[in-house]
Amino acid sequence: MPGLQGLFNDRRLSFVANVGPLVEPLRKSNFTAYSRPPQLYSHNDQTSLWQIGTGNSSTNPNGWGGMLAGRLLGSPPQGLPPCISIAGQTRFLVGQYFPTSAAVFPYRLSTNPANPATSLTNYADTDPAGAKRREILQSLVDFNYPQPMSREYGDILDRSMNLSINLNQQITNLGTSTLTGMAAFITAVNAIPNTGLGNQLRQVARMIAISRFGVGAIPANRQVFFVRTGGYHTHDGQIPNLNLTAGHQGLIQQVSAAMVAFDNAIQQLNNVQGYAGVVNEVVSFTMSEFARTINSNGNGTDHAWGSIQMVMGAPSTTGGPLAGGQMFGRYPWQVLGRTFPGGAMSTPDAEGECFNRGEFLPTTAVDQMAATFARWMGVSATDIPALFPNIDNFVTPPGTNPNALVMAQNTRTLPFLNFT
């Protein structure tokens, strides 16, 4: 991953070590006595816990991305929704507006370079029959129905149709824009690799360009984008041969190339007329269901727990939000069955316990990592517990639990982003 190595050296990338779902700090000693996340080592449940942002239950229908957007905006906007998925439906972007309690749902886009928003077919104004269909449909939508539900349905459909038409048109218009620097941005966008992840990030870059508040044609504020990549359930395909583009190494190469190219596109957008400062307004990060065991199960590696995540953005050394080029949290010793002598800490840099196969007990909670992004986006410190109800377990552990020492630091947030 030389591309991400370069970003790290340039302080545009940092790592969060040994992070995972937790209810409270815990240790190997008396492990069963502590509150633990449900269904550990389950693909679906651990994915849900990461997206929910709390370790209590994997059945909560809301995700912290959607709840974050709802808390910041308060009520549904008339234009572009705040949560946008380029990877289909996701719990991460489902939530509620506060205090209205209206539902937050992700606005789903495809990777299509010209028509990413779902639009009606056979309703084009350039076709006489299509124009007539659209005229009739519009009359049905505009009709003053006596029932409130019918009127609301018509209003939603009308806004949806108009938004999709406008969005698709503005995406297309990027290629013909005469703004100074736009051509270089389009070149950088087109240079994002033609891979599953790359194509999704390419669409995110376009969306940021057309919706950046104050300059975009469809202005929006405080957006949360979701992309997805998979294929890591490799087992005996972990290192299938010496082909460096196959197996696990091929997958992480795709992540590296896509993230680096996306970062470059945002830097180029910063040079476009009217977009100065946008490079400091975009932060990217990874989430994953779980790490993998150190040793083999005879058919590859197995399901684990604590993992290493990445955060990418403009460095604080140049006025950006990211304290880059650092490892936050505690990077655990890579020793199978690691246990602290006598169940107590030895030295501060030796933190991290694991079971016999290398399933590391997280020393940083998903709640802490997620709360850091929430504070950067603008959620007040007093509102953080409303989004992450367990967050203060990692400040003052419940009861007489002595495990505060296990956590990377006893605080709600981590210092990898600058809230100011």
Protein backbone atom coordinates (compact mmCIF):
# COMPACT_ATOMS: atom_id res chain seq x y z
CA MET A 1 0.00 0.00 0.00
CA PRO A 2 2.64 2.57 -1.00
CA GLY A 3 -0.02 5.17 -1.75
CA LEU A 4 -1.35 5.17 1.81
CA GLN A 5 2.23 5.08 3.09
CA GLY A 6 2.80 8.32 1.17
CA LEU A 7 -0.33 9.90 2.66
CA PHE A 8 0.80 8.86 6.14
CA ASN A 9 4.23 10.41 5.60
CA ASP A 10 2.53 13.58 4.33
CA ARG A 11 0.38 13.63 7.48
CA ARG A 12 -2.80 13.13 5.43
CA LEU A 13 -3.55 9.76 7.04
CA SER A 14 -3.66 8.39 10.58
CA PHE A 15 -4.57 5.07 12.15
CA VAL A 16 -6.82 4.20 15.08
CA ALA A 17 -5.51 1.04 16.72
CA ASN A 18 -7.42 -1.83 18.28
CA VAL A 19 -10.89 -0.31 17.98
CA GLY A 20 -14.11 -2.32 18.10
CA PRO A 21 -17.62 -2.61 19.57
CA LEU A 22 -17.75 -2.46 23.37
CA VAL A 23 -20.36 -1.86 26.06
CA GLU A 24 -17.81 -1.03 28.73
CA PRO A 25 -14.05 -1.49 29.17
CA LEU A 26 -13.21 -5.13 29.81
CA ARG A 27 -10.33 -7.51 30.43
CA LYS A 28 -9.60 -11.20 29.92
CA SER A 29 -9.70 -11.70 33.67
CA ASN A 30 -13.32 -12.39 34.66
CA PHE A 31 -14.32 -11.77 31.04
CA THR A 32 -17.81 -13.19 31.50
CA ALA A 33 -18.52 -10.79 34.36
CA TYR A 34 -18.57 -7.74 32.09
CA SER A 35 -21.20 -6.48 29.68
CA ARG A 36 -20.22 -7.58 26.18
CA PRO A 37 -21.50 -6.89 22.67
CA PRO A 38 -23.92 -9.54 21.38
CA GLN A 39 -22.98 -12.17 18.80
CA LEU A 40 -19.25 -11.56 18.77
CA TYR A 41 -17.48 -12.85 15.63
CA SER A 42 -20.70 -12.76 13.60
CA HIS A 43 -20.37 -10.94 10.25
CA ASN A 44 -23.84 -9.36 10.23
CA ASP A 45 -24.01 -8.48 13.91
CA GLN A 46 -20.59 -6.88 14.10
CA THR A 47 -21.28 -4.89 10.92
CA SER A 48 -24.48 -3.65 12.56
CA LEU A 49 -22.73 -2.72 15.81
CA TRP A 50 -20.15 -0.64 13.94
CA GLN A 51 -22.91 1.16 12.04
CA ILE A 52 -25.13 1.64 15.10
CA GLY A 53 -22.23 3.05 17.11
CA THR A 54 -23.00 1.32 20.39
CA GLY A 55 -22.27 -2.20 21.62
CA ASN A 56 -25.54 -3.06 23.35
CA SER A 57 -27.74 -4.45 20.59
CA SER A 58 -27.30 -5.22 16.91
CA THR A 59 -31.06 -4.87 16.26
CA ASN A 60 -31.31 -1.09 16.67
CA PRO A 61 -32.71 0.14 13.32
CA ASN A 62 -30.79 3.44 13.39
CA GLY A 63 -27.16 4.10 12.53
CA TRP A 64 -24.91 6.77 13.94
CA GLY A 65 -24.42 8.44 10.55
CA GLY A 66 -28.17 8.99 10.16
CA MET A 67 -28.63 10.01 13.80
CA LEU A 68 -25.72 12.45 13.48
CA ALA A 69 -27.25 14.10 10.40
CA GLY A 70 -30.66 14.29 12.05
CA ARG A 71 -29.24 15.88 15.18
CA LEU A 72 -27.39 18.53 13.16
CA LEU A 73 -30.22 19.51 10.78
CA GLY A 74 -33.25 19.13 13.05
CA SER A 75 -35.77 18.67 10.24
CA PRO A 76 -35.79 17.28 6.68
CA PRO A 77 -34.32 19.69 4.10
CA GLN A 78 -36.33 20.54 1.01
CA GLY A 79 -33.43 19.77 -1.30
CA LEU A 80 -30.71 17.16 -1.21
CA PRO A 81 -30.91 14.78 1.79
CA PRO A 82 -27.91 14.85 4.14
CA CYS A 83 -27.18 11.11 3.97
CA ILE A 84 -26.10 9.70 0.61
CA SER A 85 -25.20 6.10 -0.13
CA ILE A 86 -23.39 4.97 -3.26
CA ALA A 87 -23.62 1.37 -2.00
CA GLY A 88 -27.34 0.69 -1.69
CA GLN A 89 -29.30 0.46 1.52
CA THR A 90 -27.36 0.76 4.76
CA ARG A 91 -28.34 0.97 8.42
CA PHE A 92 -25.48 3.45 8.98
CA LEU A 93 -27.45 6.28 7.30
CA VAL A 94 -30.85 5.57 8.89
CA GLY A 95 -31.85 7.82 11.77
CA GLN A 96 -34.18 10.49 13.08
CA TYR A 97 -34.25 14.26 12.92
CA PHE A 98 -34.22 15.93 16.31
CA PRO A 99 -36.48 17.26 17.71
CA THR A 100 -39.05 16.58 14.95
CA SER A 101 -38.57 12.75 15.03
CA ALA A 102 -38.98 12.62 11.26
CA ALA A 103 -37.13 9.69 9.69
CA VAL A 104 -33.71 10.00 8.07
CA PHE A 105 -33.12 7.64 5.16
CA PRO A 106 -30.17 7.43 2.78
CA TYR A 107 -30.56 8.94 -0.67
CA ARG A 108 -29.23 6.20 -2.90
CA LEU A 109 -27.16 6.90 -5.99
CA SER A 110 -25.46 4.63 -8.49
CA THR A 111 -21.97 4.97 -9.94
CA ASN A 112 -23.40 5.92 -13.34
CA PRO A 113 -21.35 8.91 -14.55
CA ALA A 114 -24.32 10.65 -16.20
CA ASN A 115 -27.47 9.49 -14.38
CA PRO A 116 -26.59 8.46 -10.82
CA ALA A 117 -30.03 9.39 -9.43
CA THR A 118 -32.93 7.08 -10.15
CA SER A 119 -35.17 8.71 -12.73
CA LEU A 120 -38.27 7.78 -14.67
CA THR A 121 -37.75 6.15 -18.03
CA ASN A 122 -39.85 6.99 -21.11
CA TYR A 123 -40.71 10.40 -19.65
CA ALA A 124 -38.10 12.51 -21.48
CA ASP A 125 -39.18 15.91 -22.80
CA THR A 126 -37.22 15.25 -26.00
CA ASP A 127 -39.65 12.46 -26.94
CA PRO A 128 -43.24 13.57 -27.78
CA ALA A 129 -44.77 10.50 -26.18
CA GLY A 130 -42.48 10.82 -23.15
CA ALA A 131 -43.33 14.50 -22.78
CA LYS A 132 -47.03 13.66 -22.78
CA ARG A 133 -46.54 10.99 -20.14
CA ARG A 134 -44.66 13.48 -17.97
CA GLU A 135 -47.40 16.11 -18.47
CA ILE A 136 -50.09 13.68 -17.32
CA LEU A 137 -48.02 12.46 -14.37
CA GLN A 138 -47.31 16.05 -13.32
CA SER A 139 -51.03 16.88 -13.39
CA LEU A 140 -51.68 13.93 -11.07
CA VAL A 141 -48.92 15.04 -8.73
CA ASP A 142 -50.08 18.68 -8.69
CA PHE A 143 -53.76 17.86 -8.08
CA ASN A 144 -55.10 19.35 -4.84
CA TYR A 145 -56.14 16.14 -3.13
CA PRO A 146 -58.50 16.51 -0.14
CA GLN A 147 -56.66 13.86 1.90
CA PRO A 148 -53.46 15.06 3.67
CA MET A 149 -51.67 11.76 3.01
CA SER A 150 -52.38 11.95 -0.72
CA ARG A 151 -51.16 15.54 -0.87
CA GLU A 152 -47.97 14.66 1.02
CA TYR A 153 -47.32 11.69 -1.25
CA GLY A 154 -47.70 13.94 -4.28
CA ASP A 155 -45.36 16.54 -2.81
CA ILE A 156 -42.68 13.94 -2.03
CA LEU A 157 -42.92 12.41 -5.50
CA ASP A 158 -42.71 15.84 -7.10
CA ARG A 159 -39.62 16.83 -5.09
CA SER A 160 -38.02 13.46 -5.81
CA MET A 161 -38.54 13.72 -9.56
CA ASN A 162 -37.26 17.29 -9.70
CA LEU A 163 -34.23 16.49 -7.53
CA SER A 164 -33.19 13.52 -9.66
CA ILE A 165 -33.51 15.54 -12.87
CA ASN A 166 -31.54 18.45 -11.40
CA LEU A 167 -28.88 16.24 -9.83
CA ASN A 168 -28.24 14.24 -13.00
CA GLN A 169 -28.04 17.45 -15.00
CA GLN A 170 -25.56 19.05 -12.60
CA ILE A 171 -23.34 15.95 -12.63
CA THR A 172 -23.30 16.16 -16.43
CA ASN A 173 -22.61 19.91 -16.31
CA LEU A 174 -19.37 19.38 -14.39
CA GLY A 175 -17.74 18.19 -17.60
CA THR A 176 -18.60 21.43 -19.43
CA SER A 177 -17.94 23.87 -16.59
CA THR A 178 -15.73 26.84 -17.44
CA LEU A 179 -14.74 27.54 -13.82
CA THR A 180 -11.00 28.00 -13.44
CA GLY A 181 -9.45 24.74 -12.27
CA MET A 182 -12.50 22.57 -13.01
CA ALA A 183 -10.79 20.76 -15.89
CA ALA A 184 -7.97 19.63 -13.58
CA PHE A 185 -10.53 18.42 -11.06
CA ILE A 186 -12.38 16.39 -13.72
CA THR A 187 -9.05 14.89 -14.81
CA ALA A 188 -8.34 13.88 -11.20
CA VAL A 189 -11.85 12.43 -10.81
CA ASN A 190 -11.43 10.36 -13.96
CA ALA A 191 -8.08 9.12 -12.65
CA ILE A 192 -9.74 7.41 -9.68
CA PRO A 193 -9.34 3.67 -10.40
CA ASN A 194 -12.08 1.82 -12.22
CA THR A 195 -12.75 -0.56 -9.33
CA GLY A 196 -15.80 -1.12 -7.18
CA LEU A 197 -14.55 1.20 -4.44
CA GLY A 198 -12.96 3.63 -6.89
CA ASN A 199 -16.18 4.10 -8.86
CA GLN A 200 -18.09 4.83 -5.66
CA LEU A 201 -15.54 7.38 -4.45
CA ARG A 202 -15.56 9.00 -7.89
CA GLN A 203 -19.28 9.65 -7.47
CA VAL A 204 -18.73 11.06 -3.98
CA ALA A 205 -16.18 13.52 -5.38
CA ARG A 206 -18.69 14.65 -8.02
CA MET A 207 -21.41 15.04 -5.39
CA ILE A 208 -19.18 17.19 -3.20
CA ALA A 209 -18.51 19.41 -6.21
CA ILE A 210 -22.18 19.97 -7.06
CA SER A 211 -23.43 20.30 -3.49
CA ARG A 212 -20.79 22.18 -1.54
CA PHE A 213 -22.61 24.84 0.44
CA GLY A 214 -22.19 28.32 -1.02
CA VAL A 215 -20.97 27.31 -4.46
CA GLY A 216 -22.60 24.03 -5.57
CA ALA A 217 -25.63 24.03 -7.84
CA ILE A 218 -27.55 21.91 -5.30
CA PRO A 219 -26.23 23.34 -2.02
CA ALA A 220 -26.21 21.13 1.05
CA ASN A 221 -24.49 21.20 4.40
CA ARG A 222 -23.07 18.54 6.74
CA GLN A 223 -23.32 15.55 4.41
CA VAL A 224 -22.48 11.95 5.25
CA PHE A 225 -21.53 9.63 2.36
CA PHE A 226 -21.37 5.84 2.49
CA VAL A 227 -19.38 3.54 0.21
CA ARG A 228 -18.64 -0.16 0.63
CA THR A 229 -16.06 -2.72 -0.42
CA GLY A 230 -15.88 -6.42 0.36
CA GLY A 231 -14.32 -9.72 -0.60
CA TYR A 232 -12.10 -10.06 2.47
CA HIS A 233 -13.60 -13.38 3.55
CA THR A 234 -10.69 -15.01 1.77
CA HIS A 235 -9.79 -18.00 4.00
CA ASP A 236 -7.46 -20.13 1.86
CA GLY A 237 -7.45 -17.37 -0.77
CA GLN A 238 -5.57 -15.05 1.61
CA ILE A 239 -2.30 -15.48 -0.31
CA PRO A 240 -3.26 -17.71 -3.24
CA ASN A 241 0.00 -17.32 -5.15
CA LEU A 242 2.83 -14.89 -5.77
CA ASN A 243 0.58 -12.67 -7.88
CA LEU A 244 0.57 -9.45 -5.88
CA THR A 245 -2.78 -8.36 -7.33
CA ALA A 246 -4.62 -11.44 -6.02
CA GLY A 247 -5.88 -12.37 -2.56
CA HIS A 248 -5.68 -10.06 0.42
CA GLN A 249 -2.81 -8.02 -0.97
CA GLY A 250 -4.82 -7.27 -4.11
CA LEU A 251 -7.80 -6.11 -2.05
CA ILE A 252 -5.80 -3.71 0.09
CA GLN A 253 -4.02 -2.39 -3.00
CA GLN A 254 -7.44 -1.42 -4.38
CA VAL A 255 -8.29 0.39 -1.13
CA SER A 256 -4.96 2.24 -1.18
CA ALA A 257 -5.24 3.31 -4.82
CA ALA A 258 -8.85 4.44 -4.49
CA MET A 259 -8.31 6.45 -1.30
CA VAL A 260 -5.19 8.17 -2.62
CA ALA A 261 -6.89 9.12 -5.89
CA PHE A 262 -9.98 10.39 -4.07
CA ASP A 263 -7.83 12.52 -1.78
CA ASN A 264 -6.06 13.95 -4.82
CA ALA A 265 -9.40 14.79 -6.45
CA ILE A 266 -10.50 16.73 -3.35
CA GLN A 267 -7.18 18.61 -3.35
CA GLN A 268 -7.79 19.52 -7.01
CA LEU A 269 -11.33 20.65 -6.21
CA ASN A 270 -9.82 22.99 -3.62
CA ASN A 271 -8.10 24.83 -6.51
CA VAL A 272 -11.33 25.35 -8.46
CA GLN A 273 -12.73 28.87 -8.54
CA GLY A 274 -14.99 29.33 -5.50
CA TYR A 275 -14.05 26.04 -3.79
CA ALA A 276 -11.10 27.20 -1.68
CA GLY A 277 -11.26 25.56 1.74
CA VAL A 278 -13.19 22.45 0.69
CA VAL A 279 -10.08 20.33 1.31
CA ASN A 280 -10.48 21.10 5.03
CA GLU A 281 -14.15 20.10 5.00
CA VAL A 282 -13.80 16.47 3.92
CA VAL A 283 -12.71 13.61 6.19
CA SER A 284 -12.77 9.96 5.14
CA PHE A 285 -12.57 6.96 7.45
CA THR A 286 -12.92 3.20 7.40
CA MET A 287 -15.12 0.82 9.38
CA SER A 288 -14.93 -2.96 9.22
CA GLU A 289 -16.87 -5.78 10.85
CA PHE A 290 -13.90 -7.29 12.67
CA ALA A 291 -10.20 -7.98 12.33
CA ARG A 292 -8.71 -11.42 11.72
CA THR A 293 -6.88 -13.88 13.93
CA ILE A 294 -3.09 -13.96 13.84
CA ASN A 295 -2.81 -17.70 13.32
CA SER A 296 -4.49 -19.92 10.74
CA ASN A 297 -7.49 -22.18 11.11
CA GLY A 298 -6.00 -24.43 8.45
CA ASN A 299 -7.98 -22.65 5.75
CA GLY A 300 -6.90 -19.04 6.17
CA THR A 301 -7.57 -16.71 9.08
CA ASP A 302 -10.66 -16.53 11.27
CA HIS A 303 -13.03 -14.01 12.80
CA ALA A 304 -11.55 -11.76 15.49
CA TRP A 305 -12.51 -8.51 17.28
CA GLY A 306 -10.37 -5.38 17.70
CA SER A 307 -9.12 -3.92 14.41
CA ILE A 308 -7.08 -1.10 12.89
CA GLN A 309 -8.96 1.69 11.08
CA MET A 310 -7.83 4.62 8.94
CA VAL A 311 -8.73 8.31 8.91
CA MET A 312 -7.81 10.52 5.93
CA GLY A 313 -7.99 14.28 5.48
CA ALA A 314 -6.05 17.51 5.21
CA PRO A 315 -3.31 17.77 7.87
CA SER A 316 -3.60 20.13 10.82
CA THR A 317 -0.11 21.40 9.96
CA THR A 318 -1.65 23.20 6.96
CA GLY A 319 -4.90 24.23 8.66
CA GLY A 320 -6.78 20.99 8.06
CA PRO A 321 -8.70 18.92 10.62
CA LEU A 322 -6.49 15.81 10.83
CA ALA A 323 -3.63 15.18 13.21
CA GLY A 324 -1.97 13.09 10.52
CA GLY A 325 0.95 10.69 10.41
CA GLN A 326 0.10 9.17 13.79
CA MET A 327 -1.22 6.02 15.44
CA PHE A 328 -4.01 6.76 17.93
CA GLY A 329 -5.03 4.31 20.62
CA ARG A 330 -2.92 1.37 21.72
CA TYR A 331 -1.34 -0.89 19.13
CA PRO A 332 -1.35 -4.31 20.84
CA TRP A 333 1.55 -6.69 21.08
CA GLN A 334 1.22 -9.33 18.40
CA VAL A 335 1.41 -12.26 20.82
CA LEU A 336 -1.12 -15.08 20.87
CA GLY A 337 -2.96 -15.42 24.17
CA ARG A 338 -1.54 -12.16 25.46
CA THR A 339 -2.43 -11.57 29.13
CA PHE A 340 -1.12 -8.89 31.46
CA PRO A 341 0.85 -10.31 34.40
CA GLY A 342 -1.52 -10.71 37.30
CA GLY A 343 -4.29 -9.06 35.31
CA ALA A 344 -2.72 -5.62 35.79
CA MET A 345 -0.98 -3.21 33.46
CA SER A 346 2.77 -3.56 33.12
CA THR A 347 3.88 -0.53 31.10
CA PRO A 348 1.64 1.98 29.30
CA ASP A 349 2.88 0.98 25.85
CA ALA A 350 2.20 -2.74 26.41
CA GLU A 351 -1.58 -2.54 26.39
CA GLY A 352 -3.74 -5.00 24.53
CA GLU A 353 -4.95 -8.44 25.55
CA CYS A 354 -6.07 -11.22 23.24
CA PHE A 355 -7.35 -14.75 23.34
CA ASN A 356 -5.38 -17.77 22.20
CA ARG A 357 -5.73 -17.14 18.46
CA GLY A 358 -5.21 -13.38 18.48
CA GLU A 359 -8.76 -12.08 18.95
CA PHE A 360 -7.78 -8.75 20.51
CA LEU A 361 -10.01 -7.16 23.12
CA PRO A 362 -10.53 -3.60 21.84
CA THR A 363 -8.81 -0.85 23.80
CA THR A 364 -10.77 1.86 21.97
CA ALA A 365 -14.56 1.72 21.58
CA VAL A 366 -16.42 2.37 18.33
CA ASP A 367 -18.36 4.94 20.38
CA GLN A 368 -15.20 6.98 21.01
CA MET A 369 -14.12 6.92 17.37
CA ALA A 370 -17.63 7.81 16.15
CA ALA A 371 -18.08 10.57 18.74
CA THR A 372 -14.90 12.20 17.45
CA PHE A 373 -16.44 12.55 13.99
CA ALA A 374 -19.72 13.77 15.50
CA ARG A 375 -17.94 16.55 17.40
CA TRP A 376 -16.01 17.55 14.26
CA MET A 377 -19.26 17.71 12.28
CA GLY A 378 -20.75 20.08 14.84
CA VAL A 379 -22.60 18.03 17.47
CA SER A 380 -22.22 19.71 20.85
CA ALA A 381 -20.44 17.96 23.70
CA THR A 382 -23.68 17.86 25.70
CA ASP A 383 -25.51 16.09 22.84
CA ILE A 384 -22.93 13.32 22.41
CA PRO A 385 -24.61 10.93 24.93
CA ALA A 386 -27.87 11.21 22.99
CA LEU A 387 -26.12 9.63 20.00
CA PHE A 388 -23.84 7.28 21.93
CA PRO A 389 -25.56 6.30 25.21
CA ASN A 390 -22.61 4.21 26.45
CA ILE A 391 -20.00 6.89 25.81
CA ASP A 392 -19.46 7.80 29.45
CA ASN A 393 -18.67 4.17 30.31
CA PHE A 394 -15.32 4.96 28.72
CA VAL A 395 -14.81 8.06 30.82
CA THR A 396 -15.87 6.67 34.20
CA PRO A 397 -16.43 2.90 33.98
CA PRO A 398 -19.61 1.67 35.69
CA GLY A 399 -19.54 0.28 39.20
CA THR A 400 -16.16 -0.71 40.55
CA ASN A 401 -14.82 -1.82 37.18
CA PRO A 402 -11.04 -1.16 37.31
CA ASN A 403 -10.60 -1.35 33.57
CA ALA A 404 -10.43 2.35 32.75
CA LEU A 405 -6.71 1.75 32.28
CA VAL A 406 -7.43 -0.55 29.35
CA MET A 407 -8.89 2.19 27.20
CA ALA A 408 -6.66 4.20 24.93
CA GLN A 409 -7.63 7.24 26.96
CA ASN A 410 -10.41 7.95 29.40
CA THR A 411 -12.38 10.43 27.35
CA ARG A 412 -15.35 10.62 25.02
CA THR A 413 -13.32 11.48 21.94
CA LEU A 414 -9.90 10.83 20.43
CA PRO A 415 -7.50 13.63 19.43
CA PHE A 416 -7.16 12.76 15.73
CA LEU A 417 -9.53 15.57 14.62
CA ASN A 418 -9.48 19.28 15.40
CA PHE A 419 -13.00 20.40 16.41
CA THR A 420 -12.23 24.09 15.93
